[in-house]
């Protein structure tokens, strides 16, 4: 049987994945971890065929960072990113890290066991796009790429001059983008906007700035 490492810091999802593997009769649990920062060490210690990796876990490293590190050393280990977060950078970062598949816990039409089977058979399954999120009066897809860049830095707590410096644009341009975002979403100010965006898991503050539902590549 194929040996699976689970990296998930929430008890119920972790236990559900453990139960699913046990019931499958095709996979066995190698280990369960709550932190992505020790996943690499486990891969060095144990024989692992597949990793189910959440993004936001306990520890100092997120799941996509850990996946990139593992893939560099153990390219034959299959990795599926498993997340409930619709953060806009995840898909791009996951592809850049070289993971094999990507699965949204609460949104994906496929069952996780089907994604595992297909991934182990050599398929690469990724959503065509980040799921849409309602941001006040607007749909998240109505924001431009530059507005999302500005919004990320607002969620990081940066002031207008700091955003301007980070993006190498004028402070006036930053204010223009913020005004457009507030107009589209209907939020009264950038503080309420940042709180709403973070609560909806559309943007997770302090993450790296890297930028068909399921489809076989």
N, C-alpha and C. Protein backbone atom coordinates (compact mmCIF):
# COMPACT_ATOMS: atom_id res chain seq x y z
N UNK A 1 0.84 -1.20 0.00
CA UNK A 1 0.00 0.00 0.00
C UNK A 1 0.87 1.26 0.00
N UNK A 2 0.34 2.31 -0.57
CA UNK A 2 1.05 3.58 -0.62
C UNK A 2 0.98 4.26 0.74
N UNK A 3 2.11 4.84 1.13
CA UNK A 3 2.21 5.45 2.45
C UNK A 3 2.01 6.97 2.35
N UNK A 4 1.14 7.48 3.22
CA UNK A 4 0.70 8.88 3.12
C UNK A 4 1.07 9.64 4.39
N UNK A 5 1.61 10.85 4.19
CA UNK A 5 1.88 11.79 5.28
C UNK A 5 0.82 12.88 5.23
N UNK A 6 0.14 13.12 6.35
CA UNK A 6 -0.86 14.17 6.45
C UNK A 6 -0.26 15.34 7.23
N UNK A 7 -0.39 16.54 6.68
CA UNK A 7 0.06 17.75 7.37
C UNK A 7 -1.14 18.67 7.49
N UNK A 8 -1.73 18.71 8.67
CA UNK A 8 -2.98 19.43 8.92
C UNK A 8 -3.06 19.77 10.41
N UNK A 9 -3.23 21.04 10.74
CA UNK A 9 -3.19 21.41 12.16
C UNK A 9 -4.55 21.39 12.84
N UNK A 10 -5.63 21.19 12.08
CA UNK A 10 -6.96 21.11 12.68
C UNK A 10 -7.34 19.65 12.89
N UNK A 11 -7.77 19.35 14.11
CA UNK A 11 -7.98 17.96 14.49
C UNK A 11 -9.04 17.25 13.65
N UNK A 12 -10.20 17.86 13.48
CA UNK A 12 -11.28 17.17 12.76
C UNK A 12 -10.93 16.88 11.30
N UNK A 13 -10.45 17.86 10.52
CA UNK A 13 -10.05 17.53 9.15
C UNK A 13 -8.96 16.47 9.09
N UNK A 14 -8.01 16.54 10.04
CA UNK A 14 -6.93 15.54 10.06
C UNK A 14 -7.49 14.15 10.32
N UNK A 15 -8.39 14.03 11.30
CA UNK A 15 -8.98 12.72 11.60
C UNK A 15 -9.85 12.22 10.45
N UNK A 16 -10.53 13.12 9.76
CA UNK A 16 -11.34 12.71 8.60
C UNK A 16 -10.46 12.15 7.50
N UNK A 17 -9.31 12.78 7.27
CA UNK A 17 -8.39 12.28 6.24
C UNK A 17 -7.79 10.94 6.65
N UNK A 18 -7.47 10.81 7.93
CA UNK A 18 -6.95 9.52 8.41
C UNK A 18 -7.97 8.41 8.21
N UNK A 19 -9.23 8.71 8.51
CA UNK A 19 -10.29 7.71 8.36
C UNK A 19 -10.50 7.35 6.89
N UNK A 20 -10.44 8.35 6.02
CA UNK A 20 -10.62 8.12 4.60
C UNK A 20 -9.53 7.20 4.07
N UNK A 21 -8.30 7.41 4.49
CA UNK A 21 -7.20 6.55 4.05
C UNK A 21 -7.39 5.13 4.54
N UNK A 22 -7.78 4.99 5.80
CA UNK A 22 -7.99 3.66 6.38
C UNK A 22 -9.10 2.91 5.66
N UNK A 23 -10.17 3.62 5.34
CA UNK A 23 -11.32 2.99 4.68
C UNK A 23 -11.03 2.61 3.23
N UNK A 24 -10.05 3.28 2.62
CA UNK A 24 -9.78 3.05 1.19
C UNK A 24 -9.22 1.66 0.92
N UNK A 25 -8.44 1.13 1.85
CA UNK A 25 -7.81 -0.16 1.62
C UNK A 25 -6.64 -0.09 0.66
N UNK A 26 -6.33 1.11 0.17
CA UNK A 26 -5.24 1.28 -0.80
C UNK A 26 -4.09 2.12 -0.25
N UNK A 27 -4.36 2.83 0.85
CA UNK A 27 -3.37 3.74 1.41
C UNK A 27 -3.24 3.49 2.90
N UNK A 28 -2.03 3.70 3.41
CA UNK A 28 -1.84 3.60 4.85
C UNK A 28 -1.18 4.88 5.37
N UNK A 29 -1.51 5.22 6.58
CA UNK A 29 -1.00 6.44 7.19
C UNK A 29 0.45 6.23 7.65
N UNK A 30 1.36 7.05 7.14
CA UNK A 30 2.75 7.00 7.60
C UNK A 30 2.93 7.85 8.84
N UNK A 31 2.29 9.03 8.85
CA UNK A 31 2.36 9.93 10.00
C UNK A 31 1.39 11.08 9.78
N UNK A 32 0.98 11.72 10.89
CA UNK A 32 0.16 12.94 10.85
C UNK A 32 0.90 14.02 11.60
N UNK A 33 1.01 15.19 10.98
CA UNK A 33 1.72 16.32 11.59
C UNK A 33 0.80 17.53 11.65
N UNK A 34 1.05 18.39 12.63
CA UNK A 34 0.30 19.64 12.70
C UNK A 34 1.07 20.80 12.11
N UNK A 35 2.37 20.62 11.84
CA UNK A 35 3.19 21.70 11.33
C UNK A 35 3.95 21.34 10.07
N UNK A 36 3.88 22.20 9.05
CA UNK A 36 4.57 21.95 7.79
C UNK A 36 6.08 22.05 7.93
N UNK A 37 6.53 22.75 8.97
CA UNK A 37 7.97 22.96 9.10
C UNK A 37 8.75 21.69 9.44
N UNK A 38 8.06 20.64 9.87
CA UNK A 38 8.78 19.38 10.17
C UNK A 38 8.46 18.28 9.15
N UNK A 39 7.71 18.63 8.10
CA UNK A 39 7.36 17.64 7.09
C UNK A 39 8.60 17.13 6.35
N UNK A 40 9.54 18.03 6.07
CA UNK A 40 10.76 17.62 5.36
C UNK A 40 11.53 16.58 6.16
N UNK A 41 11.62 16.80 7.47
CA UNK A 41 12.34 15.88 8.34
C UNK A 41 11.69 14.49 8.29
N UNK A 42 10.37 14.45 8.31
CA UNK A 42 9.66 13.16 8.25
C UNK A 42 9.94 12.45 6.95
N UNK A 43 10.05 13.22 5.86
CA UNK A 43 10.35 12.60 4.57
C UNK A 43 11.76 11.99 4.56
N UNK A 44 12.64 12.57 5.34
CA UNK A 44 13.99 12.02 5.46
C UNK A 44 14.01 10.76 6.32
N UNK A 45 13.09 10.67 7.27
CA UNK A 45 13.07 9.56 8.22
C UNK A 45 12.25 8.38 7.74
N UNK A 46 11.18 8.63 6.97
CA UNK A 46 10.22 7.60 6.60
C UNK A 46 10.11 7.47 5.09
N UNK A 47 9.61 6.31 4.66
CA UNK A 47 9.26 6.17 3.24
C UNK A 47 7.87 6.78 3.05
N UNK A 48 7.79 7.80 2.20
CA UNK A 48 6.53 8.50 1.94
C UNK A 48 6.25 8.48 0.45
N UNK A 49 5.03 8.10 0.07
CA UNK A 49 4.64 8.12 -1.34
C UNK A 49 3.83 9.37 -1.69
N UNK A 50 3.07 9.86 -0.71
CA UNK A 50 2.14 10.97 -0.96
C UNK A 50 2.02 11.83 0.29
N UNK A 51 1.91 13.15 0.07
CA UNK A 51 1.67 14.07 1.18
C UNK A 51 0.39 14.84 0.91
N UNK A 52 -0.51 14.87 1.90
CA UNK A 52 -1.67 15.74 1.88
C UNK A 52 -1.30 16.94 2.74
N UNK A 53 -1.10 18.09 2.12
CA UNK A 53 -0.48 19.24 2.77
C UNK A 53 -1.44 20.43 2.83
N UNK A 54 -1.84 20.80 4.05
CA UNK A 54 -2.58 22.05 4.20
C UNK A 54 -1.60 23.21 4.05
N UNK A 55 -2.12 24.40 3.78
CA UNK A 55 -1.25 25.56 3.61
C UNK A 55 -0.96 26.24 4.95
N UNK A 56 -2.02 26.57 5.67
CA UNK A 56 -1.86 27.27 6.94
C UNK A 56 -1.81 26.24 8.07
N UNK A 57 -0.62 26.00 8.59
CA UNK A 57 -0.45 25.03 9.67
C UNK A 57 0.33 25.69 10.80
N UNK A 58 0.48 24.97 11.89
CA UNK A 58 1.30 25.50 12.98
C UNK A 58 2.77 25.47 12.56
N UNK A 59 3.59 26.23 13.26
CA UNK A 59 5.01 26.26 12.93
C UNK A 59 5.38 27.49 12.13
N UNK A 60 6.62 27.54 11.70
CA UNK A 60 7.18 28.74 11.07
C UNK A 60 7.10 28.73 9.55
N UNK A 61 6.60 27.67 8.97
CA UNK A 61 6.62 27.54 7.51
C UNK A 61 5.24 27.15 7.01
N UNK A 62 4.78 27.76 5.90
CA UNK A 62 3.48 27.34 5.39
C UNK A 62 3.64 26.12 4.48
N UNK A 63 2.52 25.49 4.15
CA UNK A 63 2.55 24.23 3.43
C UNK A 63 3.16 24.31 2.05
N UNK A 64 2.99 25.44 1.37
CA UNK A 64 3.53 25.57 0.02
C UNK A 64 5.05 25.72 0.07
N UNK A 65 5.55 26.46 1.04
CA UNK A 65 7.00 26.56 1.23
C UNK A 65 7.59 25.18 1.52
N UNK A 66 6.94 24.43 2.40
CA UNK A 66 7.42 23.09 2.75
C UNK A 66 7.37 22.17 1.54
N UNK A 67 6.31 22.30 0.73
CA UNK A 67 6.18 21.46 -0.46
C UNK A 67 7.33 21.70 -1.44
N UNK A 68 7.69 22.96 -1.63
CA UNK A 68 8.79 23.29 -2.54
C UNK A 68 10.10 22.68 -2.05
N UNK A 69 10.32 22.75 -0.75
CA UNK A 69 11.53 22.18 -0.16
C UNK A 69 11.57 20.67 -0.35
N UNK A 70 10.44 20.01 -0.12
CA UNK A 70 10.37 18.56 -0.26
C UNK A 70 10.54 18.13 -1.71
N UNK A 71 9.89 18.83 -2.63
CA UNK A 71 9.99 18.47 -4.05
C UNK A 71 11.42 18.61 -4.57
N UNK A 72 12.16 19.58 -4.04
CA UNK A 72 13.54 19.77 -4.48
C UNK A 72 14.41 18.58 -4.10
N UNK A 73 14.12 17.96 -2.97
CA UNK A 73 14.92 16.84 -2.48
C UNK A 73 14.32 15.48 -2.85
N UNK A 74 12.98 15.42 -2.86
CA UNK A 74 12.28 14.15 -3.13
C UNK A 74 11.25 14.36 -4.25
N UNK A 75 11.69 14.51 -5.49
CA UNK A 75 10.77 14.82 -6.59
C UNK A 75 9.73 13.74 -6.85
N UNK A 76 9.98 12.51 -6.41
CA UNK A 76 9.04 11.42 -6.68
C UNK A 76 7.89 11.36 -5.67
N UNK A 77 8.01 12.09 -4.57
CA UNK A 77 6.90 12.14 -3.61
C UNK A 77 5.78 13.00 -4.18
N UNK A 78 4.59 12.45 -4.27
CA UNK A 78 3.44 13.21 -4.75
C UNK A 78 2.95 14.13 -3.63
N UNK A 79 2.58 15.36 -3.98
CA UNK A 79 2.07 16.30 -2.98
C UNK A 79 0.77 16.91 -3.48
N UNK A 80 -0.26 16.82 -2.65
CA UNK A 80 -1.54 17.47 -2.92
C UNK A 80 -1.75 18.57 -1.89
N UNK A 81 -1.90 19.81 -2.36
CA UNK A 81 -2.23 20.90 -1.45
C UNK A 81 -3.72 20.81 -1.15
N UNK A 82 -4.05 20.80 0.14
CA UNK A 82 -5.43 20.67 0.60
C UNK A 82 -5.73 21.89 1.47
N UNK A 83 -6.70 22.74 1.05
CA UNK A 83 -6.93 23.97 1.79
C UNK A 83 -8.39 24.41 1.72
N UNK A 84 -8.80 25.15 2.74
CA UNK A 84 -10.13 25.77 2.72
C UNK A 84 -10.01 27.26 2.41
N UNK A 85 -8.78 27.76 2.27
CA UNK A 85 -8.54 29.17 2.02
C UNK A 85 -8.59 29.46 0.52
N UNK A 86 -9.25 30.55 0.15
CA UNK A 86 -9.31 30.93 -1.27
C UNK A 86 -8.36 32.10 -1.55
N UNK A 87 -7.28 32.18 -0.78
CA UNK A 87 -6.29 33.25 -0.92
C UNK A 87 -5.78 33.30 -2.36
N UNK A 88 -5.71 34.52 -2.91
CA UNK A 88 -5.47 34.69 -4.34
C UNK A 88 -4.11 34.20 -4.82
N UNK A 89 -3.13 34.09 -3.94
CA UNK A 89 -1.78 33.70 -4.40
C UNK A 89 -1.54 32.20 -4.38
N UNK A 90 -2.43 31.43 -3.77
CA UNK A 90 -2.14 30.02 -3.51
C UNK A 90 -1.91 29.20 -4.78
N UNK A 91 -2.79 29.32 -5.76
CA UNK A 91 -2.68 28.49 -6.96
C UNK A 91 -1.35 28.72 -7.67
N UNK A 92 -0.98 29.98 -7.85
CA UNK A 92 0.26 30.29 -8.53
C UNK A 92 1.46 29.78 -7.75
N UNK A 93 1.45 29.99 -6.45
CA UNK A 93 2.56 29.54 -5.61
C UNK A 93 2.66 28.01 -5.61
N UNK A 94 1.51 27.34 -5.57
CA UNK A 94 1.51 25.87 -5.56
C UNK A 94 2.09 25.32 -6.86
N UNK A 95 1.70 25.89 -7.97
CA UNK A 95 2.25 25.45 -9.26
C UNK A 95 3.76 25.69 -9.30
N UNK A 96 4.19 26.87 -8.83
CA UNK A 96 5.62 27.19 -8.83
C UNK A 96 6.42 26.24 -7.93
N UNK A 97 5.77 25.77 -6.87
CA UNK A 97 6.44 24.85 -5.94
C UNK A 97 6.56 23.45 -6.51
N UNK A 98 5.83 23.16 -7.57
CA UNK A 98 5.91 21.85 -8.21
C UNK A 98 5.02 20.79 -7.60
N UNK A 99 3.96 21.22 -6.86
CA UNK A 99 3.07 20.21 -6.28
C UNK A 99 2.29 19.52 -7.40
N UNK A 100 1.72 18.37 -7.09
CA UNK A 100 1.08 17.56 -8.12
C UNK A 100 -0.38 17.89 -8.33
N UNK A 101 -1.08 18.26 -7.27
CA UNK A 101 -2.51 18.58 -7.38
C UNK A 101 -2.89 19.58 -6.29
N UNK A 102 -4.10 20.13 -6.42
CA UNK A 102 -4.58 21.17 -5.52
C UNK A 102 -6.07 20.94 -5.31
N UNK A 103 -6.49 20.92 -4.03
CA UNK A 103 -7.89 20.57 -3.72
C UNK A 103 -8.45 21.52 -2.66
N UNK A 104 -9.58 22.17 -2.98
CA UNK A 104 -10.28 23.01 -2.01
C UNK A 104 -11.23 22.15 -1.18
N UNK A 105 -11.08 22.19 0.14
CA UNK A 105 -11.84 21.32 1.03
C UNK A 105 -13.34 21.47 0.87
N UNK A 106 -13.83 22.70 0.84
CA UNK A 106 -15.27 22.92 0.91
C UNK A 106 -15.90 23.26 -0.43
N UNK A 107 -15.10 23.34 -1.49
CA UNK A 107 -15.61 23.87 -2.75
C UNK A 107 -15.45 22.90 -3.91
N UNK A 108 -14.39 22.10 -3.90
CA UNK A 108 -14.08 21.25 -5.04
C UNK A 108 -15.17 20.22 -5.31
N UNK A 109 -15.49 19.99 -6.58
CA UNK A 109 -16.52 19.00 -6.91
C UNK A 109 -16.07 17.56 -6.71
N UNK A 110 -14.76 17.31 -6.82
CA UNK A 110 -14.25 15.96 -6.65
C UNK A 110 -14.06 15.62 -5.17
N UNK A 111 -14.26 14.35 -4.82
CA UNK A 111 -13.93 13.88 -3.48
C UNK A 111 -12.42 13.75 -3.38
N UNK A 112 -11.88 13.97 -2.20
CA UNK A 112 -10.43 13.93 -2.02
C UNK A 112 -9.84 12.58 -2.41
N UNK A 113 -10.53 11.49 -2.10
CA UNK A 113 -9.99 10.17 -2.43
C UNK A 113 -9.85 10.00 -3.94
N UNK A 114 -10.76 10.60 -4.72
CA UNK A 114 -10.65 10.54 -6.18
C UNK A 114 -9.44 11.33 -6.66
N UNK A 115 -9.22 12.49 -6.04
CA UNK A 115 -8.06 13.31 -6.40
C UNK A 115 -6.77 12.56 -6.07
N UNK A 116 -6.76 11.87 -4.94
CA UNK A 116 -5.58 11.08 -4.55
C UNK A 116 -5.33 9.98 -5.57
N UNK A 117 -6.37 9.22 -5.91
CA UNK A 117 -6.21 8.12 -6.86
C UNK A 117 -5.67 8.62 -8.20
N UNK A 118 -6.24 9.70 -8.68
CA UNK A 118 -5.84 10.22 -9.99
C UNK A 118 -4.43 10.82 -9.95
N UNK A 119 -4.11 11.45 -8.84
CA UNK A 119 -2.76 12.01 -8.69
C UNK A 119 -1.72 10.89 -8.65
N UNK A 120 -2.01 9.82 -7.91
CA UNK A 120 -1.08 8.70 -7.83
C UNK A 120 -0.95 7.99 -9.18
N UNK A 121 -1.97 8.13 -10.02
CA UNK A 121 -1.92 7.54 -11.36
C UNK A 121 -1.19 8.44 -12.36
N UNK A 122 -0.74 9.61 -11.89
CA UNK A 122 0.06 10.48 -12.75
C UNK A 122 -0.62 11.73 -13.25
N UNK A 123 -1.87 11.96 -12.87
CA UNK A 123 -2.57 13.17 -13.29
C UNK A 123 -2.19 14.34 -12.39
N UNK A 124 -2.37 15.55 -12.92
CA UNK A 124 -2.15 16.77 -12.15
C UNK A 124 -3.46 17.55 -12.17
N UNK A 125 -4.07 17.68 -11.00
CA UNK A 125 -5.40 18.28 -10.92
C UNK A 125 -5.33 19.62 -10.21
N UNK A 126 -5.73 20.65 -10.92
CA UNK A 126 -5.74 22.01 -10.37
C UNK A 126 -7.05 22.70 -10.76
N UNK A 127 -7.60 23.53 -9.86
CA UNK A 127 -8.73 24.35 -10.25
C UNK A 127 -8.29 25.30 -11.37
N UNK A 128 -9.21 25.67 -12.24
CA UNK A 128 -8.90 26.63 -13.30
C UNK A 128 -8.62 28.01 -12.73
N UNK A 129 -9.22 28.30 -11.57
CA UNK A 129 -9.08 29.64 -10.99
C UNK A 129 -9.41 29.58 -9.51
N UNK A 130 -9.00 30.62 -8.80
CA UNK A 130 -9.39 30.76 -7.41
C UNK A 130 -10.89 31.00 -7.36
N UNK A 131 -11.63 30.31 -6.50
CA UNK A 131 -13.09 30.54 -6.41
C UNK A 131 -13.42 31.99 -6.14
N UNK A 132 -14.53 32.43 -6.68
CA UNK A 132 -14.97 33.81 -6.49
C UNK A 132 -15.44 34.04 -5.06
N UNK A 133 -15.14 35.23 -4.57
CA UNK A 133 -15.55 35.62 -3.23
C UNK A 133 -16.32 36.93 -3.34
N UNK A 134 -17.42 37.04 -2.62
CA UNK A 134 -18.19 38.28 -2.60
C UNK A 134 -17.53 39.25 -1.63
N UNK A 135 -17.09 40.40 -2.13
CA UNK A 135 -16.46 41.44 -1.30
C UNK A 135 -17.38 42.65 -1.27
N UNK A 136 -18.25 42.70 -0.27
CA UNK A 136 -19.21 43.79 -0.21
C UNK A 136 -20.12 43.75 -1.42
N UNK A 137 -20.12 44.82 -2.23
CA UNK A 137 -20.97 44.90 -3.41
C UNK A 137 -20.34 44.26 -4.64
N UNK A 138 -19.08 43.88 -4.54
CA UNK A 138 -18.35 43.41 -5.71
C UNK A 138 -18.03 41.92 -5.62
N UNK A 139 -17.74 41.37 -6.78
CA UNK A 139 -17.20 40.02 -6.88
C UNK A 139 -15.67 40.17 -6.91
N UNK A 140 -14.95 39.25 -6.28
CA UNK A 140 -13.49 39.36 -6.22
C UNK A 140 -12.85 39.42 -7.60
N UNK A 141 -13.49 38.85 -8.62
CA UNK A 141 -12.93 38.87 -9.97
C UNK A 141 -13.01 40.26 -10.61
N UNK A 142 -13.76 41.18 -9.99
CA UNK A 142 -13.87 42.54 -10.54
C UNK A 142 -12.66 43.40 -10.21
N UNK A 143 -11.80 42.94 -9.31
CA UNK A 143 -10.61 43.70 -8.96
C UNK A 143 -9.49 43.43 -9.96
N UNK A 144 -8.76 44.48 -10.32
CA UNK A 144 -7.65 44.32 -11.24
C UNK A 144 -6.45 43.74 -10.49
N UNK A 145 -5.44 43.29 -11.26
CA UNK A 145 -4.23 42.73 -10.65
C UNK A 145 -3.54 43.78 -9.77
N UNK A 146 -3.49 45.02 -10.22
CA UNK A 146 -2.84 46.06 -9.43
C UNK A 146 -3.65 46.36 -8.17
N UNK A 147 -4.97 46.33 -8.26
CA UNK A 147 -5.80 46.55 -7.08
C UNK A 147 -5.59 45.45 -6.05
N UNK A 148 -5.40 44.22 -6.51
CA UNK A 148 -5.13 43.12 -5.58
C UNK A 148 -3.78 43.31 -4.91
N UNK A 149 -2.78 43.79 -5.67
CA UNK A 149 -1.48 44.07 -5.06
C UNK A 149 -1.61 45.12 -3.96
N UNK A 150 -2.35 46.18 -4.25
CA UNK A 150 -2.56 47.24 -3.26
C UNK A 150 -3.34 46.69 -2.07
N UNK A 151 -4.36 45.90 -2.35
CA UNK A 151 -5.19 45.34 -1.29
C UNK A 151 -4.37 44.43 -0.36
N UNK A 152 -3.47 43.66 -0.92
CA UNK A 152 -2.62 42.80 -0.10
C UNK A 152 -1.81 43.63 0.89
N UNK A 153 -1.25 44.74 0.42
CA UNK A 153 -0.42 45.57 1.29
C UNK A 153 -1.27 46.33 2.32
N UNK A 154 -2.50 46.65 1.96
CA UNK A 154 -3.42 47.23 2.95
C UNK A 154 -3.67 46.21 4.06
N UNK A 155 -3.89 44.96 3.67
CA UNK A 155 -4.13 43.91 4.67
C UNK A 155 -2.89 43.65 5.52
N UNK A 156 -1.72 43.97 4.99
CA UNK A 156 -0.48 43.85 5.76
C UNK A 156 -0.28 45.03 6.70
N UNK A 157 -1.18 46.04 6.63
CA UNK A 157 -1.11 47.17 7.54
C UNK A 157 -0.24 48.32 7.07
N UNK A 158 0.15 48.33 5.80
CA UNK A 158 1.01 49.40 5.29
C UNK A 158 0.22 50.68 5.05
N UNK A 159 0.88 51.82 5.25
CA UNK A 159 0.29 53.13 4.96
C UNK A 159 0.47 53.45 3.48
N UNK A 160 -0.20 54.52 3.02
CA UNK A 160 -0.15 54.87 1.61
C UNK A 160 1.29 55.07 1.10
N UNK A 161 2.11 55.79 1.87
CA UNK A 161 3.48 56.05 1.42
C UNK A 161 4.30 54.77 1.36
N UNK A 162 4.04 53.85 2.29
CA UNK A 162 4.76 52.58 2.30
C UNK A 162 4.35 51.71 1.11
N UNK A 163 3.06 51.73 0.78
CA UNK A 163 2.57 50.98 -0.39
C UNK A 163 3.18 51.55 -1.66
N UNK A 164 3.22 52.87 -1.75
CA UNK A 164 3.80 53.53 -2.92
C UNK A 164 5.26 53.13 -3.10
N UNK A 165 6.00 53.11 -2.00
CA UNK A 165 7.41 52.75 -2.06
C UNK A 165 7.57 51.29 -2.45
N UNK A 166 6.74 50.41 -1.91
CA UNK A 166 6.83 48.97 -2.19
C UNK A 166 6.52 48.67 -3.66
N UNK A 167 5.54 49.36 -4.21
CA UNK A 167 5.12 49.09 -5.59
C UNK A 167 5.77 50.00 -6.62
N UNK A 168 6.60 50.93 -6.13
CA UNK A 168 7.29 51.88 -7.00
C UNK A 168 6.30 52.70 -7.83
N UNK A 169 5.27 53.19 -7.17
CA UNK A 169 4.30 54.08 -7.80
C UNK A 169 4.11 55.29 -6.89
N UNK A 170 3.39 56.30 -7.35
CA UNK A 170 3.19 57.49 -6.53
C UNK A 170 2.13 57.23 -5.47
N UNK A 171 2.19 58.02 -4.39
CA UNK A 171 1.18 57.91 -3.34
C UNK A 171 -0.20 58.27 -3.89
N UNK A 172 -0.22 59.20 -4.83
CA UNK A 172 -1.48 59.59 -5.47
C UNK A 172 -2.10 58.40 -6.21
N UNK A 173 -1.26 57.61 -6.86
CA UNK A 173 -1.76 56.43 -7.58
C UNK A 173 -2.30 55.39 -6.61
N UNK A 174 -1.63 55.24 -5.49
CA UNK A 174 -2.11 54.31 -4.47
C UNK A 174 -3.50 54.72 -4.00
N UNK A 175 -3.66 56.00 -3.71
CA UNK A 175 -4.96 56.50 -3.26
C UNK A 175 -6.03 56.31 -4.33
N UNK A 176 -5.63 56.44 -5.58
CA UNK A 176 -6.56 56.22 -6.70
C UNK A 176 -7.04 54.77 -6.70
N UNK A 177 -6.11 53.83 -6.53
CA UNK A 177 -6.48 52.41 -6.51
C UNK A 177 -7.37 52.09 -5.31
N UNK A 178 -7.02 52.64 -4.15
CA UNK A 178 -7.82 52.39 -2.95
C UNK A 178 -9.22 52.95 -3.13
N UNK A 179 -9.32 54.14 -3.70
CA UNK A 179 -10.64 54.75 -3.96
C UNK A 179 -11.48 53.86 -4.88
N UNK A 180 -10.83 53.30 -5.90
CA UNK A 180 -11.55 52.41 -6.83
C UNK A 180 -12.03 51.15 -6.12
N UNK A 181 -11.18 50.58 -5.27
CA UNK A 181 -11.56 49.36 -4.54
C UNK A 181 -12.74 49.64 -3.61
N UNK A 182 -12.67 50.75 -2.89
CA UNK A 182 -13.75 51.10 -1.96
C UNK A 182 -15.05 51.36 -2.73
N UNK A 183 -14.92 51.99 -3.90
CA UNK A 183 -16.11 52.27 -4.72
C UNK A 183 -16.75 50.98 -5.21
N UNK A 184 -15.91 50.02 -5.64
CA UNK A 184 -16.43 48.75 -6.15
C UNK A 184 -17.08 47.92 -5.05
N UNK A 185 -16.44 47.89 -3.88
CA UNK A 185 -16.90 47.01 -2.81
C UNK A 185 -17.95 47.65 -1.90
N UNK A 186 -17.93 48.99 -1.84
CA UNK A 186 -18.90 49.68 -0.99
C UNK A 186 -18.50 49.83 0.46
N UNK A 187 -17.27 49.43 0.80
CA UNK A 187 -16.82 49.59 2.19
C UNK A 187 -16.49 51.05 2.46
N UNK A 188 -16.72 51.47 3.71
CA UNK A 188 -16.58 52.88 4.07
C UNK A 188 -15.13 53.34 4.10
N UNK A 189 -14.23 52.46 4.49
CA UNK A 189 -12.83 52.85 4.59
C UNK A 189 -11.94 51.62 4.45
N UNK A 190 -10.64 51.84 4.37
CA UNK A 190 -9.72 50.73 4.10
C UNK A 190 -9.61 49.77 5.28
N UNK A 191 -9.86 50.26 6.50
CA UNK A 191 -9.81 49.37 7.67
C UNK A 191 -10.91 48.32 7.60
N UNK A 192 -12.13 48.78 7.33
CA UNK A 192 -13.25 47.83 7.20
C UNK A 192 -13.02 46.90 6.01
N UNK A 193 -12.45 47.43 4.94
CA UNK A 193 -12.15 46.61 3.77
C UNK A 193 -11.16 45.51 4.13
N UNK A 194 -10.07 45.86 4.82
CA UNK A 194 -9.04 44.88 5.17
C UNK A 194 -9.60 43.79 6.07
N UNK A 195 -10.44 44.19 7.04
CA UNK A 195 -11.04 43.21 7.95
C UNK A 195 -11.93 42.24 7.19
N UNK A 196 -12.75 42.79 6.29
CA UNK A 196 -13.68 41.95 5.52
C UNK A 196 -12.93 40.98 4.62
N UNK A 197 -11.91 41.48 3.95
CA UNK A 197 -11.15 40.65 3.01
C UNK A 197 -10.44 39.52 3.73
N UNK A 198 -9.83 39.83 4.88
CA UNK A 198 -9.13 38.81 5.64
C UNK A 198 -10.09 37.77 6.21
N UNK A 199 -11.24 38.23 6.72
CA UNK A 199 -12.23 37.31 7.28
C UNK A 199 -12.78 36.36 6.24
N UNK A 200 -12.87 36.82 4.99
CA UNK A 200 -13.39 35.97 3.92
C UNK A 200 -12.31 35.06 3.34
N UNK A 201 -11.08 35.14 3.87
CA UNK A 201 -9.97 34.28 3.46
C UNK A 201 -9.58 34.50 2.00
N UNK A 202 -9.90 35.69 1.47
CA UNK A 202 -9.51 35.99 0.09
C UNK A 202 -8.05 36.37 0.00
N UNK A 203 -7.57 37.07 0.99
CA UNK A 203 -6.15 37.41 1.08
C UNK A 203 -5.70 37.15 2.51
N UNK A 204 -4.62 36.41 2.65
CA UNK A 204 -4.04 36.15 3.96
C UNK A 204 -2.85 37.09 4.14
N UNK A 205 -2.85 37.94 5.15
CA UNK A 205 -1.75 38.89 5.32
C UNK A 205 -0.41 38.20 5.51
N UNK A 206 0.64 38.93 5.08
CA UNK A 206 2.04 38.53 5.33
C UNK A 206 2.46 37.26 4.60
N UNK A 207 1.80 36.96 3.48
CA UNK A 207 2.26 35.85 2.65
C UNK A 207 3.13 36.39 1.52
N UNK A 208 4.01 35.55 0.92
CA UNK A 208 4.82 36.00 -0.21
C UNK A 208 3.95 36.52 -1.34
N UNK A 209 4.45 37.46 -2.12
CA UNK A 209 3.65 38.09 -3.17
C UNK A 209 3.83 37.39 -4.52
N UNK A 210 3.82 36.06 -4.58
CA UNK A 210 3.87 35.40 -5.87
C UNK A 210 2.44 35.32 -6.43
N UNK A 211 2.29 35.44 -7.43
CA UNK A 211 0.96 35.28 -8.01
C UNK A 211 0.90 34.01 -8.94
N UNK A 212 -11.15 25.85 -16.22
CA UNK A 212 -11.41 24.64 -15.99
C UNK A 212 -11.55 24.17 -14.59
N UNK A 213 -13.40 24.12 -13.14
CA UNK A 213 -12.76 23.61 -11.94
C UNK A 213 -11.90 22.44 -12.37
N UNK A 214 -11.71 21.41 -11.63
CA UNK A 214 -10.63 20.46 -11.81
C UNK A 214 -10.47 20.01 -13.25
N UNK A 215 -9.22 19.98 -13.65
CA UNK A 215 -8.91 19.66 -15.03
C UNK A 215 -7.60 18.87 -15.07
N UNK A 216 -7.54 17.86 -15.90
CA UNK A 216 -6.31 17.10 -16.04
C UNK A 216 -5.36 17.85 -16.94
N UNK A 217 -4.10 18.01 -16.52
CA UNK A 217 -3.13 18.71 -17.34
C UNK A 217 -2.36 17.73 -18.22
